[in-house]
C-alpha atoms as a PDB file:
ATOM      1  CA  MET A   1      16.575  35.820  12.535  1.00  0.00           C
ATOM      2  CA  ASN A   2      18.483  38.528  14.459  1.00  0.00           C
ATOM      3  CA  ARG A   3      15.151  40.164  15.234  1.00  0.00           C
ATOM      4  CA  ILE A   4      14.088  36.946  16.948  1.00  0.00           C
ATOM      5  CA  HIS A   5      17.202  36.677  19.096  1.00  0.00           C
ATOM      6  CA  SER A   6      16.761  40.250  20.265  1.00  0.00           C
ATOM      7  CA  VAL A   7      13.156  39.689  21.286  1.00  0.00           C
ATOM      8  CA  LEU A   8      12.607  41.121  24.711  1.00  0.00           C
ATOM      9  CA  LEU A   9      10.430  38.388  26.098  1.00  0.00           C
ATOM     10  CA  THR A  10       9.460  40.162  29.214  1.00  0.00           C
ATOM     11  CA  LEU A  11       7.007  38.948  31.688  1.00  0.00           C
ATOM     12  CA  GLY A  12       3.973  40.085  29.670  1.00  0.00           C
ATOM     13  CA  LEU A  13       2.012  39.660  26.299  1.00  0.00           C
ATOM     14  CA  LEU A  14      -1.248  40.739  24.487  1.00  0.00           C
ATOM     15  CA  ILE A  15      -3.050  38.119  22.498  1.00  0.00           C
ATOM     16  CA  ALA A  16      -6.571  37.290  21.396  1.00  0.00           C
ATOM     17  CA  PRO A  17      -6.324  33.568  22.194  1.00  0.00           C
ATOM     18  CA  ALA A  18      -7.853  32.422  25.424  1.00  0.00           C
ATOM     19  CA  VAL A  19      -5.653  31.720  28.400  1.00  0.00           C
ATOM     20  CA  VAL A  20      -6.725  28.326  29.659  1.00  0.00           C
ATOM     21  CA  HIS A  21      -4.631  28.020  32.822  1.00  0.00           C
ATOM     22  CA  ALA A  22      -2.016  29.939  34.781  1.00  0.00           C
ATOM     23  CA  ASP A  23       0.118  29.004  37.826  1.00  0.00           C
ATOM     24  CA  THR A  24       1.639  31.676  40.053  1.00  0.00           C
ATOM     25  CA  TRP A  25       5.052  30.211  40.969  1.00  0.00           C
ATOM     26  CA  ASP A  26       6.341  29.335  37.507  1.00  0.00           C
ATOM     27  CA  LYS A  27       3.839  31.644  35.787  1.00  0.00           C
ATOM     28  CA  LYS A  28       2.705  28.667  33.729  1.00  0.00           C
ATOM     29  CA  THR A  29       0.289  29.912  31.099  1.00  0.00           C
ATOM     30  CA  THR A  30      -1.512  27.940  28.429  1.00  0.00           C
ATOM     31  CA  VAL A  31      -2.299  29.925  25.287  1.00  0.00           C
ATOM     32  CA  ASN A  32      -4.126  29.070  22.094  1.00  0.00           C
ATOM     33  CA  PHE A  33      -2.631  30.838  19.068  1.00  0.00           C
ATOM     34  CA  SER A  34      -4.915  31.203  16.060  1.00  0.00           C
ATOM     35  CA  GLN A  35      -2.024  32.022  13.696  1.00  0.00           C
ATOM     36  CA  PRO A  36       1.744  31.359  13.580  1.00  0.00           C
ATOM     37  CA  VAL A  37       3.742  33.126  16.296  1.00  0.00           C
ATOM     38  CA  GLU A  38       7.507  33.570  16.230  1.00  0.00           C
ATOM     39  CA  VAL A  39       9.408  33.082  19.479  1.00  0.00           C
ATOM     40  CA  PRO A  40      13.219  33.090  19.804  1.00  0.00           C
ATOM     41  CA  GLY A  41      14.490  30.301  17.577  1.00  0.00           C
ATOM     42  CA  TYR A  42      11.143  28.853  16.506  1.00  0.00           C
ATOM     43  CA  VAL A  43       7.814  29.591  14.824  1.00  0.00           C
ATOM     44  CA  LEU A  44       4.887  28.111  16.737  1.00  0.00           C
ATOM     45  CA  GLN A  45       2.080  27.006  14.421  1.00  0.00           C
ATOM     46  CA  PRO A  46      -1.564  27.662  15.382  1.00  0.00           C
ATOM     47  CA  GLY A  47      -2.508  25.607  18.429  1.00  0.00           C
ATOM     48  CA  LYS A  48      -2.203  25.344  22.210  1.00  0.00           C
ATOM     49  CA  TYR A  49       1.131  25.920  23.941  1.00  0.00           C
ATOM     50  CA  VAL A  50       2.460  26.256  27.459  1.00  0.00           C
ATOM     51  CA  MET A  51       4.759  29.123  28.421  1.00  0.00           C
ATOM     52  CA  LYS A  52       6.420  29.041  31.820  1.00  0.00           C
ATOM     53  CA  LEU A  53       9.477  30.093  33.760  1.00  0.00           C
ATOM     54  CA  VAL A  54      12.100  27.371  34.030  1.00  0.00           C
ATOM     55  CA  SER A  55      12.956  26.247  37.582  1.00  0.00           C
ATOM     56  CA  LEU A  56      16.414  27.714  38.004  1.00  0.00           C
ATOM     57  CA  SER A  57      17.092  28.881  41.543  1.00  0.00           C
ATOM     58  CA  ALA A  58      19.579  31.547  40.446  1.00  0.00           C
ATOM     59  CA  ASP A  59      17.661  32.877  37.428  1.00  0.00           C
ATOM     60  CA  ARG A  60      13.920  33.530  37.152  1.00  0.00           C
ATOM     61  CA  HIS A  61      14.158  34.971  33.628  1.00  0.00           C
ATOM     62  CA  VAL A  62      14.230  31.865  31.434  1.00  0.00           C
ATOM     63  CA  VAL A  63      10.996  31.123  29.565  1.00  0.00           C
ATOM     64  CA  GLN A  64      10.225  27.759  28.014  1.00  0.00           C
ATOM     65  CA  PHE A  65       7.709  27.142  25.218  1.00  0.00           C
ATOM     66  CA  THR A  66       6.258  23.614  25.097  1.00  0.00           C
ATOM     67  CA  ASN A  67       3.336  21.747  23.617  1.00  0.00           C
ATOM     68  CA  GLU A  68       0.174  21.507  25.722  1.00  0.00           C
ATOM     69  CA  ARG A  69       1.217  18.127  27.194  1.00  0.00           C
ATOM     70  CA  GLU A  70       4.618  19.633  28.146  1.00  0.00           C
ATOM     71  CA  ASN A  71       6.477  16.671  26.657  1.00  0.00           C
ATOM     72  CA  ARG A  72       8.104  18.642  23.800  1.00  0.00           C
ATOM     73  CA  VAL A  73      10.137  21.827  24.194  1.00  0.00           C
ATOM     74  CA  TYR A  74      10.024  24.101  21.148  1.00  0.00           C
ATOM     75  CA  ALA A  75      12.137  26.970  22.450  1.00  0.00           C
ATOM     76  CA  THR A  76      13.819  28.279  25.574  1.00  0.00           C
ATOM     77  CA  ALA A  77      14.623  31.982  25.825  1.00  0.00           C
ATOM     78  CA  ARG A  78      16.236  34.338  28.313  1.00  0.00           C
ATOM     79  CA  ALA A  79      13.709  37.031  29.154  1.00  0.00           C
ATOM     80  CA  VAL A  80      14.551  40.644  29.843  1.00  0.00           C
ATOM     81  CA  PRO A  81      12.304  42.229  32.493  1.00  0.00           C
ATOM     82  CA  SER A  82       9.927  44.869  31.204  1.00  0.00           C
ATOM     83  CA  TYR A  83       7.524  46.839  33.327  1.00  0.00           C
ATOM     84  CA  ARG A  84       4.199  48.504  32.666  1.00  0.00           C
ATOM     85  CA  THR A  85       2.197  50.983  34.704  1.00  0.00           C
ATOM     86  CA  GLU A  86      -1.193  49.288  34.470  1.00  0.00           C
ATOM     87  CA  VAL A  87      -1.738  45.745  35.703  1.00  0.00           C
ATOM     88  CA  SER A  88      -4.244  43.375  34.095  1.00  0.00           C
ATOM     89  CA  ASP A  89      -6.023  40.390  35.625  1.00  0.00           C
ATOM     90  CA  LYS A  90      -5.436  38.520  32.351  1.00  0.00           C
ATOM     91  CA  THR A  91      -2.356  37.389  30.455  1.00  0.00           C
ATOM     92  CA  VAL A  92      -1.170  40.094  28.077  1.00  0.00           C
ATOM     93  CA  ILE A  93       1.074  39.355  25.088  1.00  0.00           C
ATOM     94  CA  THR A  94       2.483  42.036  22.790  1.00  0.00           C
ATOM     95  CA  PHE A  95       4.093  41.611  19.392  1.00  0.00           C
ATOM     96  CA  TYR A  96       6.620  43.401  17.222  1.00  0.00           C
ATOM     97  CA  GLU A  97       5.431  44.892  13.950  1.00  0.00           C
ATOM     98  CA  VAL A  98       6.334  42.553  11.114  1.00  0.00           C
ATOM     99  CA  PRO A  99       5.903  42.703   7.333  1.00  0.00           C
ATOM    100  CA  ALA A 100       2.656  41.325   5.923  1.00  0.00           C
ATOM    101  CA  GLY A 101       2.710  37.565   5.546  1.00  0.00           C
ATOM    102  CA  GLN A 102       5.263  37.035   8.323  1.00  0.00           C
ATOM    103  CA  PRO A 103       4.392  35.299  11.616  1.00  0.00           C
ATOM    104  CA  GLU A 104       3.738  37.648  14.507  1.00  0.00           C
ATOM    105  CA  ALA A 105       6.913  37.997  16.597  1.00  0.00           C
ATOM    106  CA  MET A 106       6.359  37.872  20.342  1.00  0.00           C
ATOM    107  CA  LYS A 107       7.708  40.855  22.257  1.00  0.00           C
ATOM    108  CA  ASN A 108       6.278  40.810  25.801  1.00  0.00           C
ATOM    109  CA  TRP A 109       4.448  38.414  28.086  1.00  0.00           C
ATOM    110  CA  TYR A 110       2.780  39.842  31.180  1.00  0.00           C
ATOM    111  CA  TYR A 111       1.445  37.336  33.658  1.00  0.00           C
ATOM    112  CA  PRO A 112      -1.948  38.208  35.265  1.00  0.00           C
ATOM    113  CA  GLY A 113      -1.446  40.663  38.115  1.00  0.00           C
ATOM    114  CA  ASP A 114       2.186  41.434  37.207  1.00  0.00           C
ATOM    115  CA  ASN A 115       3.406  44.833  36.098  1.00  0.00           C
END
């Protein structure tokens, strides 16, 4: 699980699932994963989830993973900023390489329009 705790959940990700909704202030993004995805401390099973920045006035680098209704928190992780040169108008999620049969491990989450 060390690999999970060292995940650099930046503000960016590449994923095939459709992004249903995104809000600018908290970067709220709804994603639909078609296979299990590992986030720090938890493996999200296929389905819809909400990822967003937690409202902390002193720290804008805490990401929370909840169910679609936002009434269950699966994981909360401290993100490390990561930058890219090209900006996309869609959510981009990237993953670490993992052995066959293992859930994809989330590496980066880029909010639409962010670099």
